[in-house]
Amino acid sequence: MKKYLLTIFAALLIAGCASNGESEVQASAEEVGTAEEVMAGEKKYFCSSEHVVGTNFKRRRCRTKAQIEEEREVAQKELSSMQRSGMTAPVDN
C-alpha cells in the first residue's frame, strides 16, 4: 500500500513539474526580446517585455511612439505636481 501511494505521489509530482506554464512565458519572452518594432498597418509599434509586480512572469506590451510619449508626459506632470505640493517620501522610524 505504501509503495502504491508513493508511486502515485511521484507521478503527480512529475506531472506537476512538467506543466508549470513557465515554458510558454519564456518562449514568448524569447520571441519578443527586450525591445522590438512591429509594423501593423501604417503604425509602428514598439514592444517590450515588462515584469509584472507580484509575479515572476513577464508581460509583452506594445505601444506606438505617441502612446509612449503621452505616458511619459503624464508621469512627468504627476511627478512635478507632487513635488510642488510639498509631498515628501515616507520616513522610516
C-alpha atoms as a PDB file:
ATOM      1  CA  MET A   1       0.000   0.000   0.000  1.00  0.00           C
ATOM      2  CA  LYS A   2       2.831   2.406   0.858  1.00  0.00           C
ATOM      3  CA  LYS A   3       4.561   1.684  -2.444  1.00  0.00           C
ATOM      4  CA  TYR A   4       1.307   2.350  -4.291  1.00  0.00           C
ATOM      5  CA  LEU A   5       0.816   5.742  -2.579  1.00  0.00           C
ATOM      6  CA  LEU A   6       4.470   6.652  -3.096  1.00  0.00           C
ATOM      7  CA  THR A   7       4.183   5.812  -6.811  1.00  0.00           C
ATOM      8  CA  ILE A   8       1.049   7.951  -7.190  1.00  0.00           C
ATOM      9  CA  PHE A   9       2.675  10.843  -5.329  1.00  0.00           C
ATOM     10  CA  ALA A  10       5.808  10.639  -7.512  1.00  0.00           C
ATOM     11  CA  ALA A  11       3.695  10.569 -10.694  1.00  0.00           C
ATOM     12  CA  LEU A  12       1.708  13.629  -9.582  1.00  0.00           C
ATOM     13  CA  LEU A  13       4.899  15.462  -8.652  1.00  0.00           C
ATOM     14  CA  ILE A  14       6.480  14.786 -12.036  1.00  0.00           C
ATOM     15  CA  ALA A  15       3.290  15.761 -13.884  1.00  0.00           C
ATOM     16  CA  GLY A  16       3.076  19.000 -11.901  1.00  0.00           C
ATOM     17  CA  CYS A  17       6.664  19.929 -12.692  1.00  0.00           C
ATOM     18  CA  ALA A  18       6.176  19.214 -16.375  1.00  0.00           C
ATOM     19  CA  SER A  19       3.203  21.571 -16.688  1.00  0.00           C
ATOM     20  CA  ASN A  20       4.179  24.671 -14.702  1.00  0.00           C
ATOM     21  CA  GLY A  21       3.430  27.077 -17.567  1.00  0.00           C
ATOM     22  CA  GLU A  22       6.787  28.857 -17.434  1.00  0.00           C
ATOM     23  CA  SER A  23       7.940  27.389 -20.730  1.00  0.00           C
ATOM     24  CA  GLU A  24       5.169  29.265 -22.557  1.00  0.00           C
ATOM     25  CA  VAL A  25       6.122  32.547 -20.902  1.00  0.00           C
ATOM     26  CA  GLN A  26       9.820  32.006 -21.550  1.00  0.00           C
ATOM     27  CA  ALA A  27       9.129  31.216 -25.191  1.00  0.00           C
ATOM     28  CA  SER A  28       7.134  34.413 -25.652  1.00  0.00           C
ATOM     29  CA  ALA A  29       9.835  36.406 -23.851  1.00  0.00           C
ATOM     30  CA  GLU A  30      12.457  34.950 -26.179  1.00  0.00           C
ATOM     31  CA  GLU A  31      10.365  35.867 -29.213  1.00  0.00           C
ATOM     32  CA  VAL A  32       9.987  39.442 -28.007  1.00  0.00           C
ATOM     33  CA  GLY A  33      13.479  40.099 -26.707  1.00  0.00           C
ATOM     34  CA  THR A  34      13.966  43.349 -24.834  1.00  0.00           C
ATOM     35  CA  ALA A  35      12.552  45.707 -27.449  1.00  0.00           C
ATOM     36  CA  GLU A  36      11.079  45.026 -30.847  1.00  0.00           C
ATOM     37  CA  GLU A  37       9.483  47.066 -33.603  1.00  0.00           C
ATOM     38  CA  VAL A  38       6.294  45.653 -35.079  1.00  0.00           C
ATOM     39  CA  MET A  39       4.601  47.066 -38.144  1.00  0.00           C
ATOM     40  CA  ALA A  40       0.808  46.882 -38.032  1.00  0.00           C
ATOM     41  CA  GLY A  41      -0.780  48.657 -40.941  1.00  0.00           C
ATOM     42  CA  GLU A  42       0.921  52.051 -41.079  1.00  0.00           C
ATOM     43  CA  LYS A  43       1.547  52.426 -37.352  1.00  0.00           C
ATOM     44  CA  LYS A  44       4.838  51.320 -35.884  1.00  0.00           C
ATOM     45  CA  TYR A  45       4.533  49.570 -32.521  1.00  0.00           C
ATOM     46  CA  PHE A  46       7.390  49.237 -30.074  1.00  0.00           C
ATOM     47  CA  CYS A  47       7.075  46.078 -27.984  1.00  0.00           C
ATOM     48  CA  SER A  48       8.888  45.346 -24.767  1.00  0.00           C
ATOM     49  CA  SER A  49       8.806  42.647 -22.147  1.00  0.00           C
ATOM     50  CA  GLU A  50       7.986  44.048 -18.703  1.00  0.00           C
ATOM     51  CA  HIS A  51       7.954  42.391 -15.289  1.00  0.00           C
ATOM     52  CA  VAL A  52       4.562  42.179 -13.601  1.00  0.00           C
ATOM     53  CA  VAL A  53       4.548  43.164  -9.931  1.00  0.00           C
ATOM     54  CA  GLY A  54       3.805  40.235  -7.638  1.00  0.00           C
ATOM     55  CA  THR A  55       4.837  37.504 -10.069  1.00  0.00           C
ATOM     56  CA  ASN A  56       7.899  36.207 -11.878  1.00  0.00           C
ATOM     57  CA  PHE A  57       6.157  36.309 -15.237  1.00  0.00           C
ATOM     58  CA  LYS A  58       6.752  38.931 -17.881  1.00  0.00           C
ATOM     59  CA  ARG A  59       4.065  40.555 -19.987  1.00  0.00           C
ATOM     60  CA  ARG A  60       4.509  41.771 -23.556  1.00  0.00           C
ATOM     61  CA  ARG A  61       3.440  45.385 -24.008  1.00  0.00           C
ATOM     62  CA  CYS A  62       3.193  47.021 -27.435  1.00  0.00           C
ATOM     63  CA  ARG A  63       2.664  50.772 -27.816  1.00  0.00           C
ATOM     64  CA  THR A  64       3.035  53.381 -30.507  1.00  0.00           C
ATOM     65  CA  LYS A  65       5.604  56.135 -30.169  1.00  0.00           C
ATOM     66  CA  ALA A  66       2.792  58.630 -29.492  1.00  0.00           C
ATOM     67  CA  GLN A  67       1.464  56.492 -26.638  1.00  0.00           C
ATOM     68  CA  ILE A  68       4.933  56.203 -25.117  1.00  0.00           C
ATOM     69  CA  GLU A  69       5.420  59.977 -25.260  1.00  0.00           C
ATOM     70  CA  GLU A  70       1.956  60.621 -23.806  1.00  0.00           C
ATOM     71  CA  GLU A  71       2.614  58.281 -20.878  1.00  0.00           C
ATOM     72  CA  ARG A  72       5.980  59.944 -20.285  1.00  0.00           C
ATOM     73  CA  GLU A  73       4.374  63.413 -20.236  1.00  0.00           C
ATOM     74  CA  VAL A  74       1.637  62.293 -17.818  1.00  0.00           C
ATOM     75  CA  ALA A  75       4.249  60.777 -15.496  1.00  0.00           C
ATOM     76  CA  GLN A  76       6.310  63.990 -15.598  1.00  0.00           C
ATOM     77  CA  LYS A  77       3.231  66.101 -14.803  1.00  0.00           C
ATOM     78  CA  GLU A  78       2.302  63.858 -11.871  1.00  0.00           C
ATOM     79  CA  LEU A  79       5.843  63.980 -10.519  1.00  0.00           C
ATOM     80  CA  SER A  80       6.109  67.750 -10.748  1.00  0.00           C
ATOM     81  CA  SER A  81       2.635  68.105  -9.217  1.00  0.00           C
ATOM     82  CA  MET A  82       3.688  66.015  -6.216  1.00  0.00           C
ATOM     83  CA  GLN A  83       6.918  67.977  -5.849  1.00  0.00           C
ATOM     84  CA  ARG A  84       5.096  71.329  -5.946  1.00  0.00           C
ATOM     85  CA  SER A  85       2.519  70.223  -3.386  1.00  0.00           C
ATOM     86  CA  GLY A  86       5.235  69.541  -0.841  1.00  0.00           C
ATOM     87  CA  MET A  87       4.689  65.807  -0.631  1.00  0.00           C
ATOM     88  CA  THR A  88       7.638  64.056   0.933  1.00  0.00           C
ATOM     89  CA  ALA A  89       8.783  60.487   0.849  1.00  0.00           C
ATOM     90  CA  PRO A  90       7.850  58.331   3.839  1.00  0.00           C
ATOM     91  CA  VAL A  91      10.451  58.244   6.585  1.00  0.00           C
ATOM     92  CA  ASP A  92      11.403  55.000   8.307  1.00  0.00           C
ATOM     93  CA  ASN A  93      11.211  55.168  12.084  1.00  0.00           C
END
